[in-house]
Amino acid sequence: MIVGLEFPLANKILYGVKGTAQTAGILYSMDLMGAWMGALVVSIALLPVLGLFKTCLFLACLKVLSLILILTSKWT
């Protein structure tokens, strides 16, 4: 459920800056770029170094941090 909240919250924050279509395009492109870079980093660097359990724990901490950053952002 937390993962599903990030996109609408970010959309609400950015909506006042740009129009609806441009905001959705920016968020979607950032989502795709983040997924691409995340898959690359996890498969090449994190899994071989940390192992599966520690990699999952690290990624869960990053997810909580991103939620905190979005919730504490300036609401428009």
PDB file of N, CA and C in Angstrom:
ATOM      1  N   MET A   1       0.821  -1.185   0.000  1.00  0.00           N
ATOM      2  CA  MET A   1       0.000   0.000   0.000  1.00  0.00           C
ATOM      3  C   MET A   1       0.866   1.251   0.000  1.00  0.00           C
ATOM      4  N   ILE A   2       1.968   1.231   0.710  1.00  0.00           N
ATOM      5  CA  ILE A   2       2.840   2.402   0.762  1.00  0.00           C
ATOM      6  C   ILE A   2       3.397   2.717  -0.622  1.00  0.00           C
ATOM      7  N   VAL A   3       3.759   1.695  -1.374  1.00  0.00           N
ATOM      8  CA  VAL A   3       4.295   1.912  -2.713  1.00  0.00           C
ATOM      9  C   VAL A   3       3.259   2.597  -3.591  1.00  0.00           C
ATOM     10  N   GLY A   4       2.006   2.222  -3.452  1.00  0.00           N
ATOM     11  CA  GLY A   4       0.946   2.823  -4.250  1.00  0.00           C
ATOM     12  C   GLY A   4       0.665   4.269  -3.895  1.00  0.00           C
ATOM     13  N   LEU A   5       1.070   4.710  -2.722  1.00  0.00           N
ATOM     14  CA  LEU A   5       0.830   6.093  -2.305  1.00  0.00           C
ATOM     15  C   LEU A   5       1.845   7.077  -2.869  1.00  0.00           C
ATOM     16  N   GLU A   6       3.026   6.621  -3.195  1.00  0.00           N
ATOM     17  CA  GLU A   6       4.075   7.547  -3.603  1.00  0.00           C
ATOM     18  C   GLU A   6       3.742   8.297  -4.886  1.00  0.00           C
ATOM     19  N   PHE A   7       3.236   7.609  -5.881  1.00  0.00           N
ATOM     20  CA  PHE A   7       2.954   8.263  -7.161  1.00  0.00           C
ATOM     21  C   PHE A   7       1.869   9.336  -7.038  1.00  0.00           C
ATOM     22  N   PRO A   8       0.716   9.060  -6.403  1.00  0.00           N
ATOM     23  CA  PRO A   8      -0.279  10.123  -6.240  1.00  0.00           C
ATOM     24  C   PRO A   8       0.207  11.288  -5.375  1.00  0.00           C
ATOM     25  N   LEU A   9       0.998  10.996  -4.340  1.00  0.00           N
ATOM     26  CA  LEU A   9       1.516  12.085  -3.504  1.00  0.00           C
ATOM     27  C   LEU A   9       2.476  12.973  -4.285  1.00  0.00           C
ATOM     28  N   ALA A  10       3.372  12.361  -5.027  1.00  0.00           N
ATOM     29  CA  ALA A  10       4.298  13.147  -5.841  1.00  0.00           C
ATOM     30  C   ALA A  10       3.540  13.928  -6.906  1.00  0.00           C
ATOM     31  N   ASN A  11       2.516  13.343  -7.472  1.00  0.00           N
ATOM     32  CA  ASN A  11       1.704  14.021  -8.470  1.00  0.00           C
ATOM     33  C   ASN A  11       1.021  15.245  -7.864  1.00  0.00           C
ATOM     34  N   LYS A  12       0.512  15.098  -6.655  1.00  0.00           N
ATOM     35  CA  LYS A  12      -0.142  16.222  -5.983  1.00  0.00           C
ATOM     36  C   LYS A  12       0.856  17.339  -5.687  1.00  0.00           C
ATOM     37  N   ILE A  13       2.074  16.982  -5.305  1.00  0.00           N
ATOM     38  CA  ILE A  13       3.096  17.982  -5.003  1.00  0.00           C
ATOM     39  C   ILE A  13       3.491  18.742  -6.262  1.00  0.00           C
ATOM     40  N   LEU A  14       3.690  18.033  -7.372  1.00  0.00           N
ATOM     41  CA  LEU A  14       4.139  18.661  -8.612  1.00  0.00           C
ATOM     42  C   LEU A  14       3.017  19.283  -9.422  1.00  0.00           C
ATOM     43  N   TYR A  15       1.772  18.970  -9.137  1.00  0.00           N
ATOM     44  CA  TYR A  15       0.659  19.426  -9.968  1.00  0.00           C
ATOM     45  C   TYR A  15       0.571  20.945 -10.034  1.00  0.00           C
ATOM     46  N   GLY A  16       0.872  21.632  -8.943  1.00  0.00           N
ATOM     47  CA  GLY A  16       0.803  23.084  -8.947  1.00  0.00           C
ATOM     48  C   GLY A  16       1.876  23.725  -9.801  1.00  0.00           C
ATOM     49  N   VAL A  17       2.952  23.007 -10.072  1.00  0.00           N
ATOM     50  CA  VAL A  17       4.064  23.541 -10.848  1.00  0.00           C
ATOM     51  C   VAL A  17       3.790  23.443 -12.343  1.00  0.00           C
ATOM     52  N   LYS A  18       3.256  22.349 -12.803  1.00  0.00           N
ATOM     53  CA  LYS A  18       3.033  22.092 -14.226  1.00  0.00           C
ATOM     54  C   LYS A  18       1.601  21.611 -14.441  1.00  0.00           C
ATOM     55  N   GLY A  19       1.221  21.427 -15.693  1.00  0.00           N
ATOM     56  CA  GLY A  19      -0.094  20.897 -16.024  1.00  0.00           C
ATOM     57  C   GLY A  19      -0.166  19.406 -15.759  1.00  0.00           C
ATOM     58  N   THR A  20      -1.358  18.856 -15.882  1.00  0.00           N
ATOM     59  CA  THR A  20      -1.578  17.446 -15.578  1.00  0.00           C
ATOM     60  C   THR A  20      -0.765  16.521 -16.470  1.00  0.00           C
ATOM     61  N   ALA A  21      -0.812  16.739 -17.773  1.00  0.00           N
ATOM     62  CA  ALA A  21      -0.102  15.855 -18.706  1.00  0.00           C
ATOM     63  C   ALA A  21       1.405  15.940 -18.506  1.00  0.00           C
ATOM     64  N   GLN A  22       1.917  17.137 -18.328  1.00  0.00           N
ATOM     65  CA  GLN A  22       3.360  17.299 -18.142  1.00  0.00           C
ATOM     66  C   GLN A  22       3.806  16.689 -16.813  1.00  0.00           C
ATOM     67  N   THR A  23       3.020  16.860 -15.769  1.00  0.00           N
ATOM     68  CA  THR A  23       3.343  16.261 -14.473  1.00  0.00           C
ATOM     69  C   THR A  23       3.368  14.741 -14.565  1.00  0.00           C
ATOM     70  N   ALA A  24       2.364  14.162 -15.208  1.00  0.00           N
ATOM     71  CA  ALA A  24       2.322  12.705 -15.356  1.00  0.00           C
ATOM     72  C   ALA A  24       3.500  12.208 -16.181  1.00  0.00           C
ATOM     73  N   GLY A  25       3.859  12.929 -17.228  1.00  0.00           N
ATOM     74  CA  GLY A  25       4.998  12.538 -18.062  1.00  0.00           C
ATOM     75  C   GLY A  25       6.310  12.586 -17.308  1.00  0.00           C
ATOM     76  N   ILE A  26       6.501  13.632 -16.531  1.00  0.00           N
ATOM     77  CA  ILE A  26       7.728  13.770 -15.743  1.00  0.00           C
ATOM     78  C   ILE A  26       7.824  12.644 -14.713  1.00  0.00           C
ATOM     79  N   LEU A  27       6.748  12.401 -13.985  1.00  0.00           N
ATOM     80  CA  LEU A  27       6.765  11.349 -12.966  1.00  0.00           C
ATOM     81  C   LEU A  27       6.968   9.971 -13.575  1.00  0.00           C
ATOM     82  N   TYR A  28       6.327   9.710 -14.708  1.00  0.00           N
ATOM     83  CA  TYR A  28       6.472   8.403 -15.344  1.00  0.00           C
ATOM     84  C   TYR A  28       7.892   8.202 -15.860  1.00  0.00           C
ATOM     85  N   SER A  29       8.476   9.239 -16.450  1.00  0.00           N
ATOM     86  CA  SER A  29       9.854   9.103 -16.944  1.00  0.00           C
ATOM     87  C   SER A  29      10.836   8.913 -15.792  1.00  0.00           C
ATOM     88  N   MET A  30      10.627   9.608 -14.683  1.00  0.00           N
ATOM     89  CA  MET A  30      11.491   9.416 -13.522  1.00  0.00           C
ATOM     90  C   MET A  30      11.319   8.016 -12.941  1.00  0.00           C
ATOM     91  N   ASP A  31      10.093   7.491 -12.964  1.00  0.00           N
ATOM     92  CA  ASP A  31       9.825   6.139 -12.479  1.00  0.00           C
ATOM     93  C   ASP A  31      10.546   5.101 -13.338  1.00  0.00           C
ATOM     94  N   LEU A  32      10.489   5.260 -14.656  1.00  0.00           N
ATOM     95  CA  LEU A  32      11.175   4.326 -15.557  1.00  0.00           C
ATOM     96  C   LEU A  32      12.691   4.386 -15.391  1.00  0.00           C
ATOM     97  N   MET A  33      13.231   5.594 -15.287  1.00  0.00           N
ATOM     98  CA  MET A  33      14.678   5.746 -15.124  1.00  0.00           C
ATOM     99  C   MET A  33      15.139   5.157 -13.793  1.00  0.00           C
ATOM    100  N   GLY A  34      14.378   5.385 -12.746  1.00  0.00           N
ATOM    101  CA  GLY A  34      14.720   4.818 -11.445  1.00  0.00           C
ATOM    102  C   GLY A  34      14.661   3.301 -11.439  1.00  0.00           C
ATOM    103  N   ALA A  35      13.674   2.738 -12.121  1.00  0.00           N
ATOM    104  CA  ALA A  35      13.571   1.277 -12.200  1.00  0.00           C
ATOM    105  C   ALA A  35      14.747   0.693 -12.969  1.00  0.00           C
ATOM    106  N   TRP A  36      15.130   1.349 -14.050  1.00  0.00           N
ATOM    107  CA  TRP A  36      16.262   0.876 -14.856  1.00  0.00           C
ATOM    108  C   TRP A  36      17.559   0.923 -14.047  1.00  0.00           C
ATOM    109  N   MET A  37      17.808   2.061 -13.407  1.00  0.00           N
ATOM    110  CA  MET A  37      19.040   2.192 -12.627  1.00  0.00           C
ATOM    111  C   MET A  37      19.025   1.272 -11.409  1.00  0.00           C
ATOM    112  N   GLY A  38      17.870   1.137 -10.773  1.00  0.00           N
ATOM    113  CA  GLY A  38      17.768   0.261  -9.614  1.00  0.00           C
ATOM    114  C   GLY A  38      18.034  -1.194  -9.954  1.00  0.00           C
ATOM    115  N   ALA A  39      17.476  -1.652 -11.061  1.00  0.00           N
ATOM    116  CA  ALA A  39      17.704  -3.039 -11.476  1.00  0.00           C
ATOM    117  C   ALA A  39      19.172  -3.278 -11.795  1.00  0.00           C
ATOM    118  N   LEU A  40      19.799  -2.314 -12.419  1.00  0.00           N
ATOM    119  CA  LEU A  40      21.214  -2.435 -12.761  1.00  0.00           C
ATOM    120  C   LEU A  40      22.084  -2.478 -11.506  1.00  0.00           C
ATOM    121  N   VAL A  41      21.856  -1.557 -10.590  1.00  0.00           N
ATOM    122  CA  VAL A  41      22.665  -1.489  -9.367  1.00  0.00           C
ATOM    123  C   VAL A  41      22.462  -2.730  -8.498  1.00  0.00           C
ATOM    124  N   VAL A  42      21.215  -3.151  -8.342  1.00  0.00           N
ATOM    125  CA  VAL A  42      20.940  -4.317  -7.499  1.00  0.00           C
ATOM    126  C   VAL A  42      21.575  -5.569  -8.080  1.00  0.00           C
ATOM    127  N   SER A  43      21.418  -5.781  -9.376  1.00  0.00           N
ATOM    128  CA  SER A  43      21.924  -7.026  -9.962  1.00  0.00           C
ATOM    129  C   SER A  43      23.438  -7.063 -10.079  1.00  0.00           C
ATOM    130  N   ILE A  44      24.069  -5.920 -10.282  1.00  0.00           N
ATOM    131  CA  ILE A  44      25.525  -5.902 -10.468  1.00  0.00           C
ATOM    132  C   ILE A  44      26.275  -5.681  -9.160  1.00  0.00           C
ATOM    133  N   ALA A  45      25.748  -4.833  -8.289  1.00  0.00           N
ATOM    134  CA  ALA A  45      26.511  -4.443  -7.108  1.00  0.00           C
ATOM    135  C   ALA A  45      25.976  -5.011  -5.795  1.00  0.00           C
ATOM    136  N   LEU A  46      24.713  -4.809  -5.517  1.00  0.00           N
ATOM    137  CA  LEU A  46      24.210  -5.138  -4.182  1.00  0.00           C
ATOM    138  C   LEU A  46      24.090  -6.631  -3.909  1.00  0.00           C
ATOM    139  N   LEU A  47      23.481  -7.375  -4.808  1.00  0.00           N
ATOM    140  CA  LEU A  47      23.303  -8.812  -4.554  1.00  0.00           C
ATOM    141  C   LEU A  47      24.619  -9.555  -4.370  1.00  0.00           C
ATOM    142  N   PRO A  48      25.613  -9.347  -5.223  1.00  0.00           N
ATOM    143  CA  PRO A  48      26.876 -10.066  -5.003  1.00  0.00           C
ATOM    144  C   PRO A  48      27.600  -9.659  -3.719  1.00  0.00           C
ATOM    145  N   VAL A  49      27.462  -8.396  -3.326  1.00  0.00           N
ATOM    146  CA  VAL A  49      28.199  -7.902  -2.158  1.00  0.00           C
ATOM    147  C   VAL A  49      27.450  -8.179  -0.856  1.00  0.00           C
ATOM    148  N   LEU A  50      26.166  -7.849  -0.801  1.00  0.00           N
ATOM    149  CA  LEU A  50      25.403  -7.949   0.444  1.00  0.00           C
ATOM    150  C   LEU A  50      24.656  -9.264   0.614  1.00  0.00           C
ATOM    151  N   GLY A  51      24.324  -9.908  -0.459  1.00  0.00           N
ATOM    152  CA  GLY A  51      23.486 -11.097  -0.379  1.00  0.00           C
ATOM    153  C   GLY A  51      22.017 -10.711  -0.446  1.00  0.00           C
ATOM    154  N   LEU A  52      21.162 -11.702  -0.525  1.00  0.00           N
ATOM    155  CA  LEU A  52      19.739 -11.459  -0.745  1.00  0.00           C
ATOM    156  C   LEU A  52      19.059 -10.771   0.438  1.00  0.00           C
ATOM    157  N   PHE A  53      19.246 -11.272   1.648  1.00  0.00           N
ATOM    158  CA  PHE A  53      18.548 -10.712   2.809  1.00  0.00           C
ATOM    159  C   PHE A  53      18.950  -9.263   3.076  1.00  0.00           C
ATOM    160  N   LYS A  54      20.242  -8.980   3.106  1.00  0.00           N
ATOM    161  CA  LYS A  54      20.700  -7.613   3.387  1.00  0.00           C
ATOM    162  C   LYS A  54      20.324  -6.655   2.262  1.00  0.00           C
ATOM    163  N   THR A  55      20.291  -7.142   1.030  1.00  0.00           N
ATOM    164  CA  THR A  55      19.856  -6.299  -0.084  1.00  0.00           C
ATOM    165  C   THR A  55      18.389  -5.928   0.077  1.00  0.00           C
ATOM    166  N   CYS A  56      17.554  -6.892   0.440  1.00  0.00           N
ATOM    167  CA  CYS A  56      16.130  -6.616   0.667  1.00  0.00           C
ATOM    168  C   CYS A  56      15.934  -5.641   1.825  1.00  0.00           C
ATOM    169  N   LEU A  57      16.690  -5.798   2.881  1.00  0.00           N
ATOM    170  CA  LEU A  57      16.611  -4.889   4.022  1.00  0.00           C
ATOM    171  C   LEU A  57      17.032  -3.475   3.630  1.00  0.00           C
ATOM    172  N   PHE A  58      18.099  -3.361   2.871  1.00  0.00           N
ATOM    173  CA  PHE A  58      18.580  -2.064   2.398  1.00  0.00           C
ATOM    174  C   PHE A  58      17.529  -1.378   1.522  1.00  0.00           C
ATOM    175  N   LEU A  59      16.929  -2.122   0.611  1.00  0.00           N
ATOM    176  CA  LEU A  59      15.918  -1.552  -0.278  1.00  0.00           C
ATOM    177  C   LEU A  59      14.657  -1.148   0.481  1.00  0.00           C
ATOM    178  N   ALA A  60      14.291  -1.899   1.508  1.00  0.00           N
ATOM    179  CA  ALA A  60      13.143  -1.527   2.335  1.00  0.00           C
ATOM    180  C   ALA A  60      13.410  -0.214   3.068  1.00  0.00           C
ATOM    181  N   CYS A  61      14.625  -0.033   3.552  1.00  0.00           N
ATOM    182  CA  CYS A  61      14.995   1.223   4.216  1.00  0.00           C
ATOM    183  C   CYS A  61      14.948   2.396   3.242  1.00  0.00           C
ATOM    184  N   LEU A  62      15.399   2.180   2.017  1.00  0.00           N
ATOM    185  CA  LEU A  62      15.321   3.232   0.999  1.00  0.00           C
ATOM    186  C   LEU A  62      13.874   3.605   0.697  1.00  0.00           C
ATOM    187  N   LYS A  63      12.995   2.617   0.667  1.00  0.00           N
ATOM    188  CA  LYS A  63      11.584   2.864   0.389  1.00  0.00           C
ATOM    189  C   LYS A  63      10.956   3.703   1.497  1.00  0.00           C
ATOM    190  N   VAL A  64      11.276   3.397   2.739  1.00  0.00           N
ATOM    191  CA  VAL A  64      10.758   4.177   3.865  1.00  0.00           C
ATOM    192  C   VAL A  64      11.304   5.602   3.812  1.00  0.00           C
ATOM    193  N   LEU A  65      12.576   5.752   3.472  1.00  0.00           N
ATOM    194  CA  LEU A  65      13.171   7.083   3.352  1.00  0.00           C
ATOM    195  C   LEU A  65      12.487   7.899   2.261  1.00  0.00           C
ATOM    196  N   SER A  66      12.198   7.281   1.130  1.00  0.00           N
ATOM    197  CA  SER A  66      11.527   8.016   0.053  1.00  0.00           C
ATOM    198  C   SER A  66      10.121   8.440   0.471  1.00  0.00           C
ATOM    199  N   LEU A  67       9.429   7.605   1.219  1.00  0.00           N
ATOM    200  CA  LEU A  67       8.106   7.972   1.709  1.00  0.00           C
ATOM    201  C   LEU A  67       8.194   9.152   2.675  1.00  0.00           C
ATOM    202  N   ILE A  68       9.175   9.140   3.552  1.00  0.00           N
ATOM    203  CA  ILE A  68       9.359  10.250   4.495  1.00  0.00           C
ATOM    204  C   ILE A  68       9.661  11.541   3.748  1.00  0.00           C
ATOM    205  N   LEU A  69      10.513  11.471   2.737  1.00  0.00           N
ATOM    206  CA  LEU A  69      10.835  12.665   1.953  1.00  0.00           C
ATOM    207  C   LEU A  69       9.611  13.222   1.244  1.00  0.00           C
ATOM    208  N   ILE A  70       8.783  12.359   0.698  1.00  0.00           N
ATOM    209  CA  ILE A  70       7.576  12.824   0.012  1.00  0.00           C
ATOM    210  C   ILE A  70       6.588  13.424   1.004  1.00  0.00           C
ATOM    211  N   LEU A  71       6.411  12.791   2.146  1.00  0.00           N
ATOM    212  CA  LEU A  71       5.453  13.294   3.128  1.00  0.00           C
ATOM    213  C   LEU A  71       5.888  14.608   3.758  1.00  0.00           C
ATOM    214  N   THR A  72       7.186  14.850   3.825  1.00  0.00           N
ATOM    215  CA  THR A  72       7.662  16.097   4.427  1.00  0.00           C
ATOM    216  C   THR A  72       7.923  17.181   3.388  1.00  0.00           C
ATOM    217  N   SER A  73       7.648  16.897   2.118  1.00  0.00           N
ATOM    218  CA  SER A  73       7.825  17.900   1.070  1.00  0.00           C
ATOM    219  C   SER A  73       6.782  18.994   1.217  1.00  0.00           C
ATOM    220  N   LYS A  74       7.046  20.090   0.556  1.00  0.00           N
ATOM    221  CA  LYS A  74       6.101  21.207   0.562  1.00  0.00           C
ATOM    222  C   LYS A  74       4.862  20.819  -0.241  1.00  0.00           C
ATOM    223  N   TRP A  75       3.711  20.889   0.390  1.00  0.00           N
ATOM    224  CA  TRP A  75       2.444  20.582  -0.280  1.00  0.00           C
ATOM    225  C   TRP A  75       1.929  21.841  -0.943  1.00  0.00           C
ATOM    226  N   THR A  76       1.491  21.715  -2.174  1.00  0.00           N
ATOM    227  CA  THR A  76       0.969  22.893  -2.882  1.00  0.00           C
ATOM    228  C   THR A  76      -0.537  22.864  -2.937  1.00  0.00           C
TER     229      THR A  76
END
